[in-house]
C-alpha atoms as a PDB file:
ATOM      1  CA  VAL A   1       9.910  -9.876   5.676  1.00  0.00           C
ATOM      2  CA  ARG A   2      11.163  -8.190   8.762  1.00  0.00           C
ATOM      3  CA  MET A   3      10.467  -4.473   8.852  1.00  0.00           C
ATOM      4  CA  GLU A   4      13.822  -2.799   9.949  1.00  0.00           C
ATOM      5  CA  THR A   5      12.967   0.834   9.452  1.00  0.00           C
ATOM      6  CA  ASP A   6       9.845   2.994   9.682  1.00  0.00           C
ATOM      7  CA  ASN A   7      10.325   3.975   6.095  1.00  0.00           C
ATOM      8  CA  GLN A   8      10.342   0.306   5.085  1.00  0.00           C
ATOM      9  CA  LEU A   9       7.081  -0.227   7.085  1.00  0.00           C
ATOM     10  CA  LEU A  10       5.276   2.666   5.354  1.00  0.00           C
ATOM     11  CA  HIS A  11       6.280   1.497   1.888  1.00  0.00           C
ATOM     12  CA  VAL A  12       5.318  -2.060   2.559  1.00  0.00           C
ATOM     13  CA  ASN A  13       1.996  -0.912   3.913  1.00  0.00           C
ATOM     14  CA  ARG A  14       1.395   1.185   0.780  1.00  0.00           C
ATOM     15  CA  TYR A  15       2.479  -1.798  -1.473  1.00  0.00           C
ATOM     16  CA  ILE A  16      -0.042  -4.131   0.190  1.00  0.00           C
ATOM     17  CA  HIS A  17      -2.893  -1.533  -0.242  1.00  0.00           C
ATOM     18  CA  LEU A  18      -2.064  -1.071  -3.765  1.00  0.00           C
ATOM     19  CA  ASN A  19      -1.978  -4.769  -4.622  1.00  0.00           C
ATOM     20  CA  PRO A  20      -5.765  -5.029  -5.798  1.00  0.00           C
ATOM     21  CA  VAL A  21      -5.184  -1.760  -7.859  1.00  0.00           C
ATOM     22  CA  THR A  22      -1.877  -3.087  -9.434  1.00  0.00           C
ATOM     23  CA  ALA A  23      -3.754  -6.336 -10.428  1.00  0.00           C
ATOM     24  CA  TYR A  24      -6.570  -4.135 -11.942  1.00  0.00           C
ATOM     25  CA  LEU A  25      -9.231  -5.679  -9.671  1.00  0.00           C
ATOM     26  CA  VAL A  26     -10.338  -2.119  -8.699  1.00  0.00           C
ATOM     27  CA  ASP A  27      -9.238   1.369  -9.643  1.00  0.00           C
ATOM     28  CA  ASN A  28      -9.137   2.612  -6.081  1.00  0.00           C
ATOM     29  CA  PRO A  29      -8.102   0.491  -2.973  1.00  0.00           C
ATOM     30  CA  LYS A  30     -11.243   1.854  -1.179  1.00  0.00           C
ATOM     31  CA  ASP A  31     -13.246  -0.256  -3.555  1.00  0.00           C
ATOM     32  CA  TYR A  32     -11.587  -3.611  -2.503  1.00  0.00           C
ATOM     33  CA  ASP A  33     -13.711  -5.210   0.107  1.00  0.00           C
ATOM     34  CA  TRP A  34     -11.102  -7.546   1.443  1.00  0.00           C
ATOM     35  CA  SER A  35      -8.556  -4.752   2.267  1.00  0.00           C
ATOM     36  CA  SER A  36      -7.832  -3.089   5.523  1.00  0.00           C
ATOM     37  CA  TYR A  37      -7.345   0.278   3.582  1.00  0.00           C
ATOM     38  CA  ASN A  38     -10.705   1.678   4.515  1.00  0.00           C
ATOM     39  CA  GLU A  39      -9.930   0.871   8.174  1.00  0.00           C
ATOM     40  CA  TYR A  40      -6.799   2.969   7.866  1.00  0.00           C
ATOM     41  CA  LEU A  41      -8.783   5.915   6.358  1.00  0.00           C
ATOM     42  CA  ASN A  42     -11.594   5.787   8.854  1.00  0.00           C
ATOM     43  CA  ARG A  43      -9.139   5.322  11.847  1.00  0.00           C
ATOM     44  CA  GLU A  44     -11.385   2.689  13.273  1.00  0.00           C
ATOM     45  CA  ASN A  45      -9.773  -0.151  15.205  1.00  0.00           C
ATOM     46  CA  ILE A  46     -11.595  -3.262  14.071  1.00  0.00           C
ATOM     47  CA  ILE A  47      -8.633  -5.648  13.171  1.00  0.00           C
ATOM     48  CA  CYS A  48      -5.492  -3.671  12.512  1.00  0.00           C
ATOM     49  CA  SER A  49      -2.998  -1.968  14.764  1.00  0.00           C
ATOM     50  CA  LYS A  50      -2.417   1.041  12.639  1.00  0.00           C
ATOM     51  CA  GLN A  51      -0.830   3.469  15.002  1.00  0.00           C
ATOM     52  CA  LEU A  52       2.781   2.905  13.844  1.00  0.00           C
ATOM     53  CA  VAL A  53       1.821   3.823  10.326  1.00  0.00           C
ATOM     54  CA  LEU A  54      -0.891   6.575  10.856  1.00  0.00           C
ATOM     55  CA  GLU A  55       1.146   8.558  13.396  1.00  0.00           C
ATOM     56  CA  ARG A  56       3.647   9.504  10.630  1.00  0.00           C
ATOM     57  CA  PHE A  57       0.866  11.471   8.982  1.00  0.00           C
ATOM     58  CA  LYS A  58      -0.955  14.580   9.928  1.00  0.00           C
ATOM     59  CA  ASN A  59      -4.276  13.165   8.909  1.00  0.00           C
ATOM     60  CA  THR A  60      -5.987  10.368   6.854  1.00  0.00           C
ATOM     61  CA  SER A  61      -6.076  12.594   3.916  1.00  0.00           C
ATOM     62  CA  GLU A  62      -2.253  12.728   3.880  1.00  0.00           C
ATOM     63  CA  TYR A  63      -1.918   9.025   4.316  1.00  0.00           C
ATOM     64  CA  GLU A  64      -4.479   8.454   1.442  1.00  0.00           C
ATOM     65  CA  LYS A  65      -2.312  10.760  -0.844  1.00  0.00           C
ATOM     66  CA  PHE A  66       0.812   8.831   0.173  1.00  0.00           C
ATOM     67  CA  VAL A  67      -0.826   5.545  -1.005  1.00  0.00           C
ATOM     68  CA  LEU A  68      -2.479   6.897  -4.151  1.00  0.00           C
ATOM     69  CA  ASP A  69       0.527   8.909  -5.306  1.00  0.00           C
ATOM     70  CA  GLN A  70       2.159   5.520  -6.277  1.00  0.00           C
ATOM     71  CA  LYS A  71      -0.764   3.945  -7.939  1.00  0.00           C
ATOM     72  CA  ASP A  72       0.432   4.659 -11.546  1.00  0.00           C
ATOM     73  CA  TYR A  73       4.047   3.695 -10.834  1.00  0.00           C
ATOM     74  CA  ALA A  74       2.947   0.401  -9.260  1.00  0.00           C
ATOM     75  CA  ARG A  75       0.900  -0.435 -12.235  1.00  0.00           C
ATOM     76  CA  ARG A  76       3.674   0.425 -14.649  1.00  0.00           C
ATOM     77  CA  LEU A  77       6.106  -1.616 -12.596  1.00  0.00           C
ATOM     78  CA  ALA A  78       3.736  -4.633 -12.633  1.00  0.00           C
ATOM     79  CA  GLY A  79       3.529  -4.386 -16.407  1.00  0.00           C
ATOM     80  CA  ILE A  80       7.227  -4.855 -16.924  1.00  0.00           C
ATOM     81  CA  GLU A  81       8.265  -7.074 -13.966  1.00  0.00           C
ATOM     82  CA  HIS A  82       8.172 -10.133 -16.244  1.00  0.00           C
ATOM     83  CA  LEU A  83      10.981  -8.496 -18.247  1.00  0.00           C
ATOM     84  CA  ILE A  84      13.358  -8.646 -15.274  1.00  0.00           C
ATOM     85  CA  LEU A  85      16.132 -11.100 -15.565  1.00  0.00           C
ATOM     86  CA  GLU A  86      17.329 -12.717 -12.472  1.00  0.00           C
ATOM     87  CA  LYS A  87      20.600 -14.507 -12.107  1.00  0.00           C
ATOM     88  CA  ASP A  88      20.820 -17.775 -10.207  1.00  0.00           C
ATOM     89  CA  HIS A  89      23.401 -17.617  -7.396  1.00  0.00           C
END
């Protein structure tokens, strides 16, 4: 999906980092070994180009709060998404 706004980029980034939490693989995205989440928190440049996301936050604690604040909501949404009815167009 093409990111058209900074806000969209931030929310998709959070969504991706919460995927293993939403799937109940881990309780905290820090504990998922195959995620770039820890790279974002440590501000190390190993693989990811994180500047566009992290420059919107004062520090990594603020970024971590941004991600974790939606943890419960993401899990609740995943629990009911099978109930959504879609129309064929």
